[in-house]
Amino acid sequence: MKQLLTGLLLLLLLPSAAFAGSLWGPVSAGMTTEEVMDVLDDAYAFEEGDRLATNAVEALRRDDVELAGESFTQRFFFLNDQLSQVTLRLDDTRDFDAMLTTVEALTEKMRDQYGEEVDSEIKDSGPIRQATVSWIDGNRRVSLFLMSMGEDDSMLNVNYQVYVGD
């Protein structure tokens, strides 16, 4: 019986162990909204946030976060009340081709910080155009994601996600 209880406790602790570690700057995966707001005094509650495919819900935001000379809105996503993803969305959107230069600048900055990317792909034909670049850094995945549908402005996100391996 003791072994069964010990095994169950270990299984319950695994998600917390997988979440341990920095996601972005001073925030770590597994933090609560209150803990994030304690370390980032300009973070604010955002009640109408998006829901990701993982069911993580955007609960906090920060405005005017600078990365590679560009201004981003920082979005904090929580799953089971624990931080699981930090996304920076570019504020000044442009068309896909113009945004590719921003992706290239961010890629160079990320290479300096995380080394060579683990994958990179550009889908530059058809109605939906995309560019993705990703790195694995310990227990987090850092990704650039650019997407455009038609002639409209593109969306560029920098995602910091918990990574537990393949």
Protein backbone atom coordinates (compact mmCIF):
# COMPACT_ATOMS: atom_id res chain seq x y z
CA MET A 1 0.00 0.00 0.00
CA LYS A 2 2.87 2.39 0.83
CA GLN A 3 4.41 1.77 -2.58
CA LEU A 4 1.10 2.48 -4.30
CA LEU A 5 0.70 5.79 -2.42
CA THR A 6 4.30 6.73 -3.14
CA GLY A 7 3.78 5.97 -6.83
CA LEU A 8 0.61 8.06 -6.96
CA LEU A 9 2.33 10.99 -5.25
CA LEU A 10 5.18 10.82 -7.77
CA LEU A 11 2.70 10.89 -10.64
CA LEU A 12 1.02 13.94 -9.15
CA LEU A 13 4.36 15.69 -8.81
CA LEU A 14 5.48 15.03 -12.39
CA PRO A 15 3.56 17.92 -13.97
CA SER A 16 5.02 20.33 -11.42
CA ALA A 17 8.53 19.06 -12.11
CA ALA A 18 7.97 19.43 -15.84
CA PHE A 19 6.73 22.99 -15.31
CA ALA A 20 9.74 24.06 -13.23
CA GLY A 21 12.02 26.60 -14.89
CA SER A 22 12.01 29.98 -16.51
CA LEU A 23 9.62 30.63 -19.39
CA TRP A 24 10.38 34.28 -20.04
CA GLY A 25 12.53 36.64 -18.01
CA PRO A 26 11.63 36.49 -14.32
CA VAL A 27 8.51 34.34 -14.77
CA SER A 28 8.53 30.57 -14.50
CA ALA A 29 6.17 27.92 -15.71
CA GLY A 30 3.75 26.89 -12.99
CA MET A 31 3.43 30.37 -11.43
CA THR A 32 -0.02 31.66 -10.53
CA THR A 33 -1.43 34.95 -11.80
CA GLU A 34 -0.67 36.53 -8.43
CA GLU A 35 2.95 35.37 -8.53
CA VAL A 36 3.42 36.74 -12.06
CA MET A 37 1.91 40.08 -11.02
CA ASP A 38 4.25 40.17 -8.00
CA VAL A 39 7.37 39.95 -10.20
CA LEU A 40 6.01 42.04 -13.11
CA ASP A 41 4.39 45.10 -11.56
CA ASP A 42 3.06 46.37 -14.90
CA ALA A 43 1.19 43.12 -15.69
CA TYR A 44 -2.57 43.49 -15.50
CA ALA A 45 -5.54 41.12 -15.42
CA PHE A 46 -7.17 40.58 -18.81
CA GLU A 47 -10.60 39.01 -18.49
CA GLU A 48 -11.51 38.67 -22.18
CA GLY A 49 -8.39 36.73 -23.14
CA ASP A 50 -8.01 34.05 -25.76
CA ARG A 51 -8.11 30.30 -25.18
CA LEU A 52 -5.43 28.15 -26.81
CA ALA A 53 -5.95 24.69 -28.32
CA THR A 54 -4.37 23.33 -25.12
CA ASN A 55 -7.22 25.00 -23.16
CA ALA A 56 -4.77 27.42 -21.57
CA VAL A 57 -6.49 30.77 -20.99
CA GLU A 58 -4.98 34.22 -21.33
CA ALA A 59 -5.36 35.89 -17.93
CA LEU A 60 -2.66 38.60 -17.84
CA ARG A 61 -1.10 41.10 -20.22
CA ARG A 62 1.72 43.63 -20.40
CA ASP A 63 1.92 46.42 -22.96
CA ASP A 64 4.91 47.90 -24.81
CA VAL A 65 7.39 45.06 -24.26
CA GLU A 66 10.40 45.66 -26.52
CA LEU A 67 12.20 42.91 -28.40
CA ALA A 68 14.68 43.50 -31.24
CA GLY A 69 13.59 47.15 -31.54
CA GLU A 70 9.89 46.27 -31.94
CA SER A 71 6.98 46.78 -29.53
CA PHE A 72 4.96 43.73 -28.45
CA THR A 73 1.96 43.00 -26.26
CA GLN A 74 2.90 40.26 -23.82
CA ARG A 75 0.18 37.70 -23.08
CA PHE A 76 0.28 35.16 -20.23
CA PHE A 77 -1.62 31.87 -20.62
CA PHE A 78 -2.58 29.65 -17.68
CA LEU A 79 -3.63 26.01 -17.59
CA ASN A 80 -5.14 24.76 -14.32
CA ASP A 81 -4.21 28.13 -12.79
CA GLN A 82 -0.52 27.64 -13.62
CA LEU A 83 1.47 29.62 -16.18
CA SER A 84 2.11 27.44 -19.23
CA GLN A 85 2.82 29.87 -22.09
CA VAL A 86 4.02 33.43 -22.63
CA THR A 87 3.29 34.99 -26.02
CA LEU A 88 4.54 38.28 -27.39
CA ARG A 89 2.36 39.62 -30.23
CA LEU A 90 3.84 42.32 -32.45
CA ASP A 91 1.90 45.58 -32.14
CA ASP A 92 2.80 47.15 -35.51
CA THR A 93 1.55 44.69 -38.10
CA ARG A 94 2.60 44.86 -41.75
CA ASP A 95 2.22 42.67 -44.81
CA PHE A 96 3.88 39.25 -44.89
CA ASP A 97 6.91 40.23 -46.99
CA ALA A 98 7.69 43.24 -44.78
CA MET A 99 7.28 41.09 -41.66
CA LEU A 100 9.80 38.51 -42.95
CA THR A 101 12.58 41.04 -42.28
CA THR A 102 11.37 41.27 -38.67
CA VAL A 103 11.38 37.46 -38.43
CA GLU A 104 14.97 37.44 -39.75
CA ALA A 105 16.05 40.05 -37.16
CA LEU A 106 14.35 38.10 -34.35
CA THR A 107 15.90 34.85 -35.59
CA GLU A 108 19.39 36.38 -35.37
CA LYS A 109 18.67 37.63 -31.84
CA MET A 110 17.31 34.23 -30.77
CA ARG A 111 20.30 32.41 -32.31
CA ASP A 112 22.60 34.53 -30.17
CA GLN A 113 20.58 33.57 -27.11
CA TYR A 114 19.53 29.94 -27.79
CA GLY A 115 21.88 28.68 -30.52
CA GLU A 116 20.84 27.16 -33.83
CA GLU A 117 17.14 26.64 -34.37
CA VAL A 118 15.71 23.10 -34.26
CA ASP A 119 13.34 23.81 -37.14
CA SER A 120 12.56 26.53 -39.62
CA GLU A 121 9.97 26.65 -42.40
CA ILE A 122 8.43 29.17 -44.77
CA LYS A 123 5.19 28.44 -46.64
CA ASP A 124 5.09 31.31 -49.06
CA SER A 125 2.39 30.28 -51.54
CA GLY A 126 -1.35 29.98 -51.47
CA PRO A 127 -3.86 32.03 -49.52
CA ILE A 128 -2.24 31.31 -46.15
CA ARG A 129 1.43 32.22 -45.85
CA GLN A 130 3.45 31.17 -42.80
CA ALA A 131 6.96 31.30 -41.40
CA THR A 132 8.04 29.43 -38.27
CA VAL A 133 11.35 29.16 -36.46
CA SER A 134 11.82 27.22 -33.18
CA TRP A 135 14.40 26.51 -30.51
CA ILE A 136 14.47 24.09 -27.58
CA ASP A 137 16.09 25.56 -24.48
CA GLY A 138 15.96 23.13 -21.57
CA ASN A 139 12.33 22.72 -20.60
CA ARG A 140 10.95 25.42 -22.89
CA ARG A 141 10.26 25.79 -26.57
CA VAL A 142 10.77 29.23 -28.07
CA SER A 143 9.02 29.82 -31.41
CA LEU A 144 8.53 32.61 -33.90
CA PHE A 145 5.26 32.32 -35.80
CA LEU A 146 4.30 34.61 -38.69
CA MET A 147 1.02 34.12 -40.54
CA SER A 148 -0.92 36.03 -43.16
CA MET A 149 -4.19 35.27 -44.91
CA GLY A 150 -4.57 37.11 -48.19
CA GLU A 151 -3.47 40.72 -48.46
CA ASP A 152 -4.28 41.60 -44.84
CA ASP A 153 -1.70 42.51 -42.27
CA SER A 154 0.21 39.59 -40.83
CA MET A 155 0.29 38.31 -37.26
CA LEU A 156 3.69 37.74 -35.62
CA ASN A 157 4.01 35.95 -32.28
CA VAL A 158 7.00 34.95 -30.21
CA ASN A 159 5.91 32.00 -28.04
CA TYR A 160 7.59 30.65 -24.92
CA GLN A 161 6.05 27.28 -24.02
CA VAL A 162 6.69 24.47 -21.57
CA TYR A 163 8.56 21.66 -23.33
CA VAL A 164 8.75 18.16 -21.89
CA GLY A 165 10.36 16.38 -24.86
CA ASP A 166 9.10 14.07 -27.55
